[in-house]
């Protein structure tokens, strides 16, 4: 998992979280509950705004990708994208 470090103005690697969820929307709710980070879709078509908290007006644009069976999938802004127990979800700098 990545977290935004304001002092470095960049993302830094963090230990991953195991979150029992069935889709991206559920995962983002659980990320907020566990870390306070608020992640919501940006203007279409594919990026997200990463806020340090729900009350923080500043944000960084991130891309969300899912690694499944060795394949990296750009989910665009599909909040209903289904997640499998073996999936790994990464937030990161804009990649596609």
PDB file of N, CA and C in Angstrom:
ATOM      1  N   UNK A   1       0.849  -1.170   0.000  1.00  0.00           N
ATOM      2  CA  UNK A   1       0.000   0.000   0.000  1.00  0.00           C
ATOM      3  C   UNK A   1       0.893   1.231   0.000  1.00  0.00           C
ATOM      4  N   UNK A   2       0.403   2.292  -0.609  1.00  0.00           N
ATOM      5  CA  UNK A   2       1.123   3.551  -0.621  1.00  0.00           C
ATOM      6  C   UNK A   2       0.362   4.573   0.203  1.00  0.00           C
ATOM      7  N   UNK A   3       1.090   5.465   0.817  1.00  0.00           N
ATOM      8  CA  UNK A   3       0.484   6.567   1.564  1.00  0.00           C
ATOM      9  C   UNK A   3       1.175   7.848   1.137  1.00  0.00           C
ATOM     10  N   UNK A   4       0.445   8.954   1.128  1.00  0.00           N
ATOM     11  CA  UNK A   4       1.030  10.220   0.715  1.00  0.00           C
ATOM     12  C   UNK A   4       1.729  10.868   1.900  1.00  0.00           C
ATOM     13  N   UNK A   5       2.974  11.249   1.703  1.00  0.00           N
ATOM     14  CA  UNK A   5       3.772  11.933   2.723  1.00  0.00           C
ATOM     15  C   UNK A   5       3.876  13.395   2.318  1.00  0.00           C
ATOM     16  N   UNK A   6       3.170  14.274   3.055  1.00  0.00           N
ATOM     17  CA  UNK A   6       3.157  15.691   2.696  1.00  0.00           C
ATOM     18  C   UNK A   6       4.543  16.310   2.768  1.00  0.00           C
ATOM     19  N   UNK A   7       5.358  15.911   3.723  1.00  0.00           N
ATOM     20  CA  UNK A   7       6.677  16.516   3.864  1.00  0.00           C
ATOM     21  C   UNK A   7       7.566  16.195   2.666  1.00  0.00           C
ATOM     22  N   UNK A   8       7.370  15.029   2.068  1.00  0.00           N
ATOM     23  CA  UNK A   8       8.144  14.644   0.886  1.00  0.00           C
ATOM     24  C   UNK A   8       7.417  14.973  -0.411  1.00  0.00           C
ATOM     25  N   UNK A   9       6.143  15.312  -0.299  1.00  0.00           N
ATOM     26  CA  UNK A   9       5.281  15.567  -1.447  1.00  0.00           C
ATOM     27  C   UNK A   9       5.310  14.387  -2.428  1.00  0.00           C
ATOM     28  N   UNK A  10       5.278  13.190  -1.869  1.00  0.00           N
ATOM     29  CA  UNK A  10       5.281  11.998  -2.710  1.00  0.00           C
ATOM     30  C   UNK A  10       4.688  10.819  -1.936  1.00  0.00           C
ATOM     31  N   UNK A  11       4.453   9.745  -2.660  1.00  0.00           N
ATOM     32  CA  UNK A  11       3.934   8.534  -2.046  1.00  0.00           C
ATOM     33  C   UNK A  11       5.084   7.690  -1.517  1.00  0.00           C
ATOM     34  N   UNK A  12       4.848   7.051  -0.392  1.00  0.00           N
ATOM     35  CA  UNK A  12       5.849   6.159   0.194  1.00  0.00           C
ATOM     36  C   UNK A  12       5.188   4.813   0.474  1.00  0.00           C
ATOM     37  N   UNK A  13       5.962   3.762   0.365  1.00  0.00           N
ATOM     38  CA  UNK A  13       5.441   2.408   0.595  1.00  0.00           C
ATOM     39  C   UNK A  13       5.067   2.229   2.058  1.00  0.00           C
ATOM     40  N   UNK A  14       3.967   1.578   2.277  1.00  0.00           N
ATOM     41  CA  UNK A  14       3.478   1.263   3.609  1.00  0.00           C
ATOM     42  C   UNK A  14       3.164  -0.228   3.646  1.00  0.00           C
ATOM     43  N   UNK A  15       3.116  -0.804   4.835  1.00  0.00           N
ATOM     44  CA  UNK A  15       2.695  -2.207   4.904  1.00  0.00           C
ATOM     45  C   UNK A  15       1.288  -2.353   4.328  1.00  0.00           C
ATOM     46  N   UNK A  16       1.046  -3.428   3.642  1.00  0.00           N
ATOM     47  CA  UNK A  16      -0.266  -3.650   3.048  1.00  0.00           C
ATOM     48  C   UNK A  16      -1.330  -3.927   4.092  1.00  0.00           C
ATOM     49  N   UNK A  17      -2.562  -3.735   3.707  1.00  0.00           N
ATOM     50  CA  UNK A  17      -3.709  -4.037   4.561  1.00  0.00           C
ATOM     51  C   UNK A  17      -4.470  -5.202   3.945  1.00  0.00           C
ATOM     52  N   UNK A  18      -4.885  -6.123   4.753  1.00  0.00           N
ATOM     53  CA  UNK A  18      -5.770  -7.192   4.299  1.00  0.00           C
ATOM     54  C   UNK A  18      -7.189  -6.727   4.604  1.00  0.00           C
ATOM     55  N   UNK A  19      -7.958  -6.495   3.556  1.00  0.00           N
ATOM     56  CA  UNK A  19      -9.308  -5.974   3.730  1.00  0.00           C
ATOM     57  C   UNK A  19     -10.309  -6.923   3.084  1.00  0.00           C
ATOM     58  N   UNK A  20     -11.254  -7.442   3.858  1.00  0.00           N
ATOM     59  CA  UNK A  20     -12.269  -8.317   3.279  1.00  0.00           C
ATOM     60  C   UNK A  20     -13.326  -7.482   2.561  1.00  0.00           C
ATOM     61  N   UNK A  21     -13.246  -7.436   1.244  1.00  0.00           N
ATOM     62  CA  UNK A  21     -14.212  -6.646   0.478  1.00  0.00           C
ATOM     63  C   UNK A  21     -14.440  -7.305  -0.878  1.00  0.00           C
ATOM     64  N   UNK A  22     -15.564  -6.986  -1.480  1.00  0.00           N
ATOM     65  CA  UNK A  22     -15.920  -7.624  -2.746  1.00  0.00           C
ATOM     66  C   UNK A  22     -15.756  -6.716  -3.950  1.00  0.00           C
ATOM     67  N   UNK A  23     -15.586  -5.406  -3.721  1.00  0.00           N
ATOM     68  CA  UNK A  23     -15.396  -4.495  -4.851  1.00  0.00           C
ATOM     69  C   UNK A  23     -14.610  -3.257  -4.403  1.00  0.00           C
ATOM     70  N   UNK A  24     -14.282  -2.404  -5.358  1.00  0.00           N
ATOM     71  CA  UNK A  24     -13.459  -1.223  -5.085  1.00  0.00           C
ATOM     72  C   UNK A  24     -14.162  -0.268  -4.123  1.00  0.00           C
ATOM     73  N   UNK A  25     -15.460  -0.059  -4.270  1.00  0.00           N
ATOM     74  CA  UNK A  25     -16.181   0.861  -3.377  1.00  0.00           C
ATOM     75  C   UNK A  25     -16.048   0.419  -1.920  1.00  0.00           C
ATOM     76  N   UNK A  26     -16.250  -0.866  -1.652  1.00  0.00           N
ATOM     77  CA  UNK A  26     -16.099  -1.381  -0.285  1.00  0.00           C
ATOM     78  C   UNK A  26     -14.670  -1.210   0.206  1.00  0.00           C
ATOM     79  N   UNK A  27     -13.708  -1.459  -0.680  1.00  0.00           N
ATOM     80  CA  UNK A  27     -12.310  -1.336  -0.285  1.00  0.00           C
ATOM     81  C   UNK A  27     -11.984   0.102   0.118  1.00  0.00           C
ATOM     82  N   UNK A  28     -12.459   1.085  -0.666  1.00  0.00           N
ATOM     83  CA  UNK A  28     -12.167   2.483  -0.344  1.00  0.00           C
ATOM     84  C   UNK A  28     -12.815   2.898   0.975  1.00  0.00           C
ATOM     85  N   UNK A  29     -14.000   2.384   1.274  1.00  0.00           N
ATOM     86  CA  UNK A  29     -14.629   2.656   2.573  1.00  0.00           C
ATOM     87  C   UNK A  29     -13.776   2.095   3.707  1.00  0.00           C
ATOM     88  N   UNK A  30     -13.251   0.893   3.519  1.00  0.00           N
ATOM     89  CA  UNK A  30     -12.434   0.274   4.561  1.00  0.00           C
ATOM     90  C   UNK A  30     -11.078   0.962   4.709  1.00  0.00           C
ATOM     91  N   UNK A  31     -10.509   1.434   3.606  1.00  0.00           N
ATOM     92  CA  UNK A  31      -9.253   2.191   3.684  1.00  0.00           C
ATOM     93  C   UNK A  31      -9.470   3.442   4.529  1.00  0.00           C
ATOM     94  N   UNK A  32     -10.587   4.140   4.301  1.00  0.00           N
ATOM     95  CA  UNK A  32     -10.870   5.339   5.099  1.00  0.00           C
ATOM     96  C   UNK A  32     -11.052   4.974   6.573  1.00  0.00           C
ATOM     97  N   UNK A  33     -11.786   3.906   6.844  1.00  0.00           N
ATOM     98  CA  UNK A  33     -12.019   3.506   8.237  1.00  0.00           C
ATOM     99  C   UNK A  33     -10.717   3.142   8.947  1.00  0.00           C
ATOM    100  N   UNK A  34      -9.789   2.522   8.230  1.00  0.00           N
ATOM    101  CA  UNK A  34      -8.533   2.069   8.846  1.00  0.00           C
ATOM    102  C   UNK A  34      -7.466   3.156   8.913  1.00  0.00           C
ATOM    103  N   UNK A  35      -7.397   4.020   7.886  1.00  0.00           N
ATOM    104  CA  UNK A  35      -6.275   4.964   7.786  1.00  0.00           C
ATOM    105  C   UNK A  35      -6.687   6.427   7.839  1.00  0.00           C
ATOM    106  N   UNK A  36      -7.966   6.707   7.600  1.00  0.00           N
ATOM    107  CA  UNK A  36      -8.426   8.089   7.526  1.00  0.00           C
ATOM    108  C   UNK A  36      -8.320   8.676   6.135  1.00  0.00           C
ATOM    109  N   UNK A  37      -7.577   8.034   5.236  1.00  0.00           N
ATOM    110  CA  UNK A  37      -7.434   8.536   3.864  1.00  0.00           C
ATOM    111  C   UNK A  37      -8.774   8.439   3.145  1.00  0.00           C
ATOM    112  N   UNK A  38      -9.117   9.495   2.423  1.00  0.00           N
ATOM    113  CA  UNK A  38     -10.389   9.569   1.707  1.00  0.00           C
ATOM    114  C   UNK A  38     -10.073   9.581   0.217  1.00  0.00           C
ATOM    115  N   UNK A  39     -10.522   8.557  -0.504  1.00  0.00           N
ATOM    116  CA  UNK A  39     -10.215   8.410  -1.924  1.00  0.00           C
ATOM    117  C   UNK A  39     -11.526   8.355  -2.692  1.00  0.00           C
ATOM    118  N   UNK A  40     -11.683   9.289  -3.644  1.00  0.00           N
ATOM    119  CA  UNK A  40     -12.920   9.385  -4.419  1.00  0.00           C
ATOM    120  C   UNK A  40     -12.584   9.606  -5.893  1.00  0.00           C
ATOM    121  N   UNK A  41     -13.508   9.224  -6.791  1.00  0.00           N
ATOM    122  CA  UNK A  41     -13.256   9.465  -8.208  1.00  0.00           C
ATOM    123  C   UNK A  41     -13.068  10.958  -8.495  1.00  0.00           C
ATOM    124  N   UNK A  42     -12.130  11.257  -9.378  1.00  0.00           N
ATOM    125  CA  UNK A  42     -11.889  12.609  -9.878  1.00  0.00           C
ATOM    126  C   UNK A  42     -12.777  12.784 -11.110  1.00  0.00           C
ATOM    127  N   UNK A  43     -12.648  13.902 -11.791  1.00  0.00           N
ATOM    128  CA  UNK A  43     -13.401  14.075 -13.030  1.00  0.00           C
ATOM    129  C   UNK A  43     -13.131  12.880 -13.937  1.00  0.00           C
ATOM    130  N   UNK A  44     -14.169  12.343 -14.586  1.00  0.00           N
ATOM    131  CA  UNK A  44     -13.973  11.167 -15.446  1.00  0.00           C
ATOM    132  C   UNK A  44     -12.887  11.436 -16.488  1.00  0.00           C
ATOM    133  N   UNK A  45     -12.204  10.398 -16.943  1.00  0.00           N
ATOM    134  CA  UNK A  45     -12.673   9.023 -16.928  1.00  0.00           C
ATOM    135  C   UNK A  45     -11.954   8.063 -15.996  1.00  0.00           C
ATOM    136  N   UNK A  46     -10.764   8.407 -15.403  1.00  0.00           N
ATOM    137  CA  UNK A  46     -10.097   7.288 -14.738  1.00  0.00           C
ATOM    138  C   UNK A  46      -9.302   7.551 -13.475  1.00  0.00           C
ATOM    139  N   UNK A  47      -9.149   8.730 -13.009  1.00  0.00           N
ATOM    140  CA  UNK A  47      -8.294   8.949 -11.842  1.00  0.00           C
ATOM    141  C   UNK A  47      -9.105   9.154 -10.564  1.00  0.00           C
ATOM    142  N   UNK A  48      -8.395   9.151  -9.433  1.00  0.00           N
ATOM    143  CA  UNK A  48      -9.012   9.324  -8.124  1.00  0.00           C
ATOM    144  C   UNK A  48      -8.309  10.447  -7.379  1.00  0.00           C
ATOM    145  N   UNK A  49      -9.042  11.105  -6.476  1.00  0.00           N
ATOM    146  CA  UNK A  49      -8.456  12.111  -5.579  1.00  0.00           C
ATOM    147  C   UNK A  49      -8.148  11.426  -4.255  1.00  0.00           C
ATOM    148  N   UNK A  50      -6.907  11.569  -3.813  1.00  0.00           N
ATOM    149  CA  UNK A  50      -6.451  10.987  -2.551  1.00  0.00           C
ATOM    150  C   UNK A  50      -6.301  12.130  -1.562  1.00  0.00           C
ATOM    151  N   UNK A  51      -7.215  12.189  -0.572  1.00  0.00           N
ATOM    152  CA  UNK A  51      -7.178  13.192   0.492  1.00  0.00           C
ATOM    153  C   UNK A  51      -6.630  12.518   1.749  1.00  0.00           C
ATOM    154  N   UNK A  52      -5.862  13.238   2.526  1.00  0.00           N
ATOM    155  CA  UNK A  52      -5.356  12.670   3.780  1.00  0.00           C
ATOM    156  C   UNK A  52      -6.487  12.395   4.760  1.00  0.00           C
ATOM    157  N   UNK A  53      -7.589  13.155   4.628  1.00  0.00           N
ATOM    158  CA  UNK A  53      -8.790  12.912   5.433  1.00  0.00           C
ATOM    159  C   UNK A  53      -9.987  13.455   4.664  1.00  0.00           C
ATOM    160  N   UNK A  54     -11.171  13.090   5.098  1.00  0.00           N
ATOM    161  CA  UNK A  54     -12.398  13.560   4.447  1.00  0.00           C
ATOM    162  C   UNK A  54     -12.516  15.085   4.515  1.00  0.00           C
ATOM    163  N   UNK A  55     -11.969  15.696   5.566  1.00  0.00           N
ATOM    164  CA  UNK A  55     -12.069  17.144   5.759  1.00  0.00           C
ATOM    165  C   UNK A  55     -10.968  17.933   5.064  1.00  0.00           C
ATOM    166  N   UNK A  56      -9.989  17.265   4.501  1.00  0.00           N
ATOM    167  CA  UNK A  56      -8.845  17.923   3.870  1.00  0.00           C
ATOM    168  C   UNK A  56      -9.197  18.318   2.438  1.00  0.00           C
ATOM    169  N   UNK A  57      -9.213  19.623   2.123  1.00  0.00           N
ATOM    170  CA  UNK A  57      -9.568  20.037   0.765  1.00  0.00           C
ATOM    171  C   UNK A  57      -8.469  19.743  -0.263  1.00  0.00           C
ATOM    172  N   UNK A  58      -7.230  19.609   0.189  1.00  0.00           N
ATOM    173  CA  UNK A  58      -6.151  19.333  -0.765  1.00  0.00           C
ATOM    174  C   UNK A  58      -6.130  17.840  -1.095  1.00  0.00           C
ATOM    175  N   UNK A  59      -5.653  17.529  -2.290  1.00  0.00           N
ATOM    176  CA  UNK A  59      -5.609  16.136  -2.724  1.00  0.00           C
ATOM    177  C   UNK A  59      -4.495  15.944  -3.740  1.00  0.00           C
ATOM    178  N   UNK A  60      -4.181  14.681  -3.968  1.00  0.00           N
ATOM    179  CA  UNK A  60      -3.235  14.266  -4.996  1.00  0.00           C
ATOM    180  C   UNK A  60      -3.985  13.311  -5.912  1.00  0.00           C
ATOM    181  N   UNK A  61      -3.790  13.451  -7.212  1.00  0.00           N
ATOM    182  CA  UNK A  61      -4.408  12.502  -8.135  1.00  0.00           C
ATOM    183  C   UNK A  61      -3.641  11.187  -8.101  1.00  0.00           C
ATOM    184  N   UNK A  62      -4.390  10.089  -8.039  1.00  0.00           N
ATOM    185  CA  UNK A  62      -3.788   8.758  -8.046  1.00  0.00           C
ATOM    186  C   UNK A  62      -4.500   7.876  -9.065  1.00  0.00           C
ATOM    187  N   UNK A  63      -3.812   6.845  -9.441  1.00  0.00           N
ATOM    188  CA  UNK A  63      -4.339   5.811 -10.308  1.00  0.00           C
ATOM    189  C   UNK A  63      -4.497   4.569  -9.432  1.00  0.00           C
ATOM    190  N   UNK A  64      -5.555   3.817  -9.623  1.00  0.00           N
ATOM    191  CA  UNK A  64      -5.736   2.574  -8.876  1.00  0.00           C
ATOM    192  C   UNK A  64      -5.639   1.414  -9.855  1.00  0.00           C
ATOM    193  N   UNK A  65      -4.727   0.492  -9.564  1.00  0.00           N
ATOM    194  CA  UNK A  65      -4.548  -0.704 -10.385  1.00  0.00           C
ATOM    195  C   UNK A  65      -4.711  -1.939  -9.513  1.00  0.00           C
ATOM    196  N   UNK A  66      -5.208  -2.990 -10.132  1.00  0.00           N
ATOM    197  CA  UNK A  66      -5.379  -4.280  -9.464  1.00  0.00           C
ATOM    198  C   UNK A  66      -4.446  -5.281 -10.137  1.00  0.00           C
ATOM    199  N   UNK A  67      -3.662  -5.994  -9.336  1.00  0.00           N
ATOM    200  CA  UNK A  67      -2.843  -7.085  -9.867  1.00  0.00           C
ATOM    201  C   UNK A  67      -3.578  -8.388  -9.588  1.00  0.00           C
ATOM    202  N   UNK A  68      -3.841  -9.106 -10.677  1.00  0.00           N
ATOM    203  CA  UNK A  68      -4.608 -10.359 -10.586  1.00  0.00           C
ATOM    204  C   UNK A  68      -3.931 -11.400 -11.480  1.00  0.00           C
ATOM    205  N   UNK A  69      -3.451 -12.464 -10.868  1.00  0.00           N
ATOM    206  CA  UNK A  69      -2.838 -13.538 -11.647  1.00  0.00           C
ATOM    207  C   UNK A  69      -1.683 -13.066 -12.513  1.00  0.00           C
ATOM    208  N   UNK A  70      -0.886 -12.130 -12.015  1.00  0.00           N
ATOM    209  CA  UNK A  70       0.255 -11.626 -12.764  1.00  0.00           C
ATOM    210  C   UNK A  70      -0.075 -10.529 -13.754  1.00  0.00           C
ATOM    211  N   UNK A  71      -1.345 -10.206 -13.931  1.00  0.00           N
ATOM    212  CA  UNK A  71      -1.768  -9.155 -14.862  1.00  0.00           C
ATOM    213  C   UNK A  71      -2.124  -7.893 -14.075  1.00  0.00           C
ATOM    214  N   UNK A  72      -1.695  -6.739 -14.573  1.00  0.00           N
ATOM    215  CA  UNK A  72      -2.042  -5.466 -13.944  1.00  0.00           C
ATOM    216  C   UNK A  72      -3.225  -4.861 -14.693  1.00  0.00           C
ATOM    217  N   UNK A  73      -4.287  -4.546 -13.949  1.00  0.00           N
ATOM    218  CA  UNK A  73      -5.528  -4.050 -14.541  1.00  0.00           C
ATOM    219  C   UNK A  73      -5.772  -2.624 -14.069  1.00  0.00           C
ATOM    220  N   UNK A  74      -5.960  -1.702 -15.017  1.00  0.00           N
ATOM    221  CA  UNK A  74      -6.363  -0.334 -14.682  1.00  0.00           C
ATOM    222  C   UNK A  74      -7.884  -0.331 -14.591  1.00  0.00           C
ATOM    223  N   UNK A  75      -8.415  -0.039 -13.414  1.00  0.00           N
ATOM    224  CA  UNK A  75      -9.867  -0.136 -13.212  1.00  0.00           C
ATOM    225  C   UNK A  75     -10.610   1.114 -13.661  1.00  0.00           C
ATOM    226  N   UNK A  76      -9.872   2.136 -14.095  1.00  0.00           N
ATOM    227  CA  UNK A  76     -10.444   3.438 -14.417  1.00  0.00           C
ATOM    228  C   UNK A  76     -11.203   3.917 -13.174  1.00  0.00           C
ATOM    229  N   UNK A  77     -12.497   4.193 -13.266  1.00  0.00           N
ATOM    230  CA  UNK A  77     -13.257   4.624 -12.080  1.00  0.00           C
ATOM    231  C   UNK A  77     -14.406   3.666 -11.785  1.00  0.00           C
ATOM    232  N   UNK A  78     -14.195   2.416 -12.077  1.00  0.00           N
ATOM    233  CA  UNK A  78     -15.240   1.416 -11.877  1.00  0.00           C
ATOM    234  C   UNK A  78     -15.312   1.028 -10.401  1.00  0.00           C
ATOM    235  N   UNK A  79     -16.185   1.717  -9.663  1.00  0.00           N
ATOM    236  CA  UNK A  79     -16.322   1.467  -8.229  1.00  0.00           C
ATOM    237  C   UNK A  79     -16.903   0.080  -7.941  1.00  0.00           C
ATOM    238  N   UNK A  80     -17.560  -0.529  -8.931  1.00  0.00           N
ATOM    239  CA  UNK A  80     -18.124  -1.867  -8.730  1.00  0.00           C
ATOM    240  C   UNK A  80     -17.169  -2.958  -9.214  1.00  0.00           C
ATOM    241  N   UNK A  81     -15.935  -2.585  -9.583  1.00  0.00           N
ATOM    242  CA  UNK A  81     -14.964  -3.578 -10.053  1.00  0.00           C
ATOM    243  C   UNK A  81     -14.832  -4.671  -8.998  1.00  0.00           C
ATOM    244  N   UNK A  82     -15.083  -5.932  -9.375  1.00  0.00           N
ATOM    245  CA  UNK A  82     -15.053  -7.015  -8.382  1.00  0.00           C
ATOM    246  C   UNK A  82     -13.629  -7.350  -7.950  1.00  0.00           C
ATOM    247  N   UNK A  83     -13.465  -7.602  -6.670  1.00  0.00           N
ATOM    248  CA  UNK A  83     -12.166  -7.990  -6.125  1.00  0.00           C
ATOM    249  C   UNK A  83     -12.209  -9.445  -5.678  1.00  0.00           C
ATOM    250  N   UNK A  84     -11.129 -10.149  -5.983  1.00  0.00           N
ATOM    251  CA  UNK A  84     -10.973 -11.539  -5.568  1.00  0.00           C
ATOM    252  C   UNK A  84     -10.035 -11.595  -4.368  1.00  0.00           C
ATOM    253  N   UNK A  85     -10.124 -12.630  -3.546  1.00  0.00           N
ATOM    254  CA  UNK A  85      -9.265 -12.708  -2.353  1.00  0.00           C
ATOM    255  C   UNK A  85      -7.768 -12.608  -2.655  1.00  0.00           C
ATOM    256  N   UNK A  86      -7.335 -13.044  -3.819  1.00  0.00           N
ATOM    257  CA  UNK A  86      -5.904 -13.017  -4.151  1.00  0.00           C
ATOM    258  C   UNK A  86      -5.458 -11.713  -4.825  1.00  0.00           C
ATOM    259  N   UNK A  87      -6.369 -10.791  -5.102  1.00  0.00           N
ATOM    260  CA  UNK A  87      -6.017  -9.527  -5.765  1.00  0.00           C
ATOM    261  C   UNK A  87      -5.165  -8.643  -4.867  1.00  0.00           C
ATOM    262  N   UNK A  88      -4.302  -7.867  -5.504  1.00  0.00           N
ATOM    263  CA  UNK A  88      -3.549  -6.823  -4.812  1.00  0.00           C
ATOM    264  C   UNK A  88      -3.927  -5.508  -5.464  1.00  0.00           C
ATOM    265  N   UNK A  89      -4.282  -4.522  -4.645  1.00  0.00           N
ATOM    266  CA  UNK A  89      -4.709  -3.219  -5.142  1.00  0.00           C
ATOM    267  C   UNK A  89      -3.643  -2.197  -4.776  1.00  0.00           C
ATOM    268  N   UNK A  90      -3.248  -1.401  -5.766  1.00  0.00           N
ATOM    269  CA  UNK A  90      -2.212  -0.386  -5.553  1.00  0.00           C
ATOM    270  C   UNK A  90      -2.741   0.990  -5.923  1.00  0.00           C
ATOM    271  N   UNK A  91      -2.476   1.970  -5.055  1.00  0.00           N
ATOM    272  CA  UNK A  91      -2.706   3.380  -5.378  1.00  0.00           C
ATOM    273  C   UNK A  91      -1.334   3.920  -5.751  1.00  0.00           C
ATOM    274  N   UNK A  92      -1.252   4.716  -6.779  1.00  0.00           N
ATOM    275  CA  UNK A  92       0.053   5.257  -7.129  1.00  0.00           C
ATOM    276  C   UNK A  92      -0.042   6.443  -8.051  1.00  0.00           C
ATOM    277  N   UNK A  93       1.123   6.900  -8.469  1.00  0.00           N
ATOM    278  CA  UNK A  93       1.187   8.020  -9.388  1.00  0.00           C
ATOM    279  C   UNK A  93       0.494   7.634 -10.686  1.00  0.00           C
ATOM    280  N   UNK A  94       0.060   8.641 -11.417  1.00  0.00           N
ATOM    281  CA  UNK A  94      -0.676   8.397 -12.653  1.00  0.00           C
ATOM    282  C   UNK A  94       0.178   7.568 -13.605  1.00  0.00           C
ATOM    283  N   UNK A  95      -0.390   6.444 -14.043  1.00  0.00           N
ATOM    284  CA  UNK A  95       0.379   5.503 -14.858  1.00  0.00           C
ATOM    285  C   UNK A  95      -0.202   5.306 -16.250  1.00  0.00           C
ATOM    286  N   UNK A  96      -1.479   5.530 -16.409  1.00  0.00           N
ATOM    287  CA  UNK A  96      -2.059   5.277 -17.736  1.00  0.00           C
ATOM    288  C   UNK A  96      -3.105   6.319 -18.077  1.00  0.00           C
TER     289      UNK A  96
END
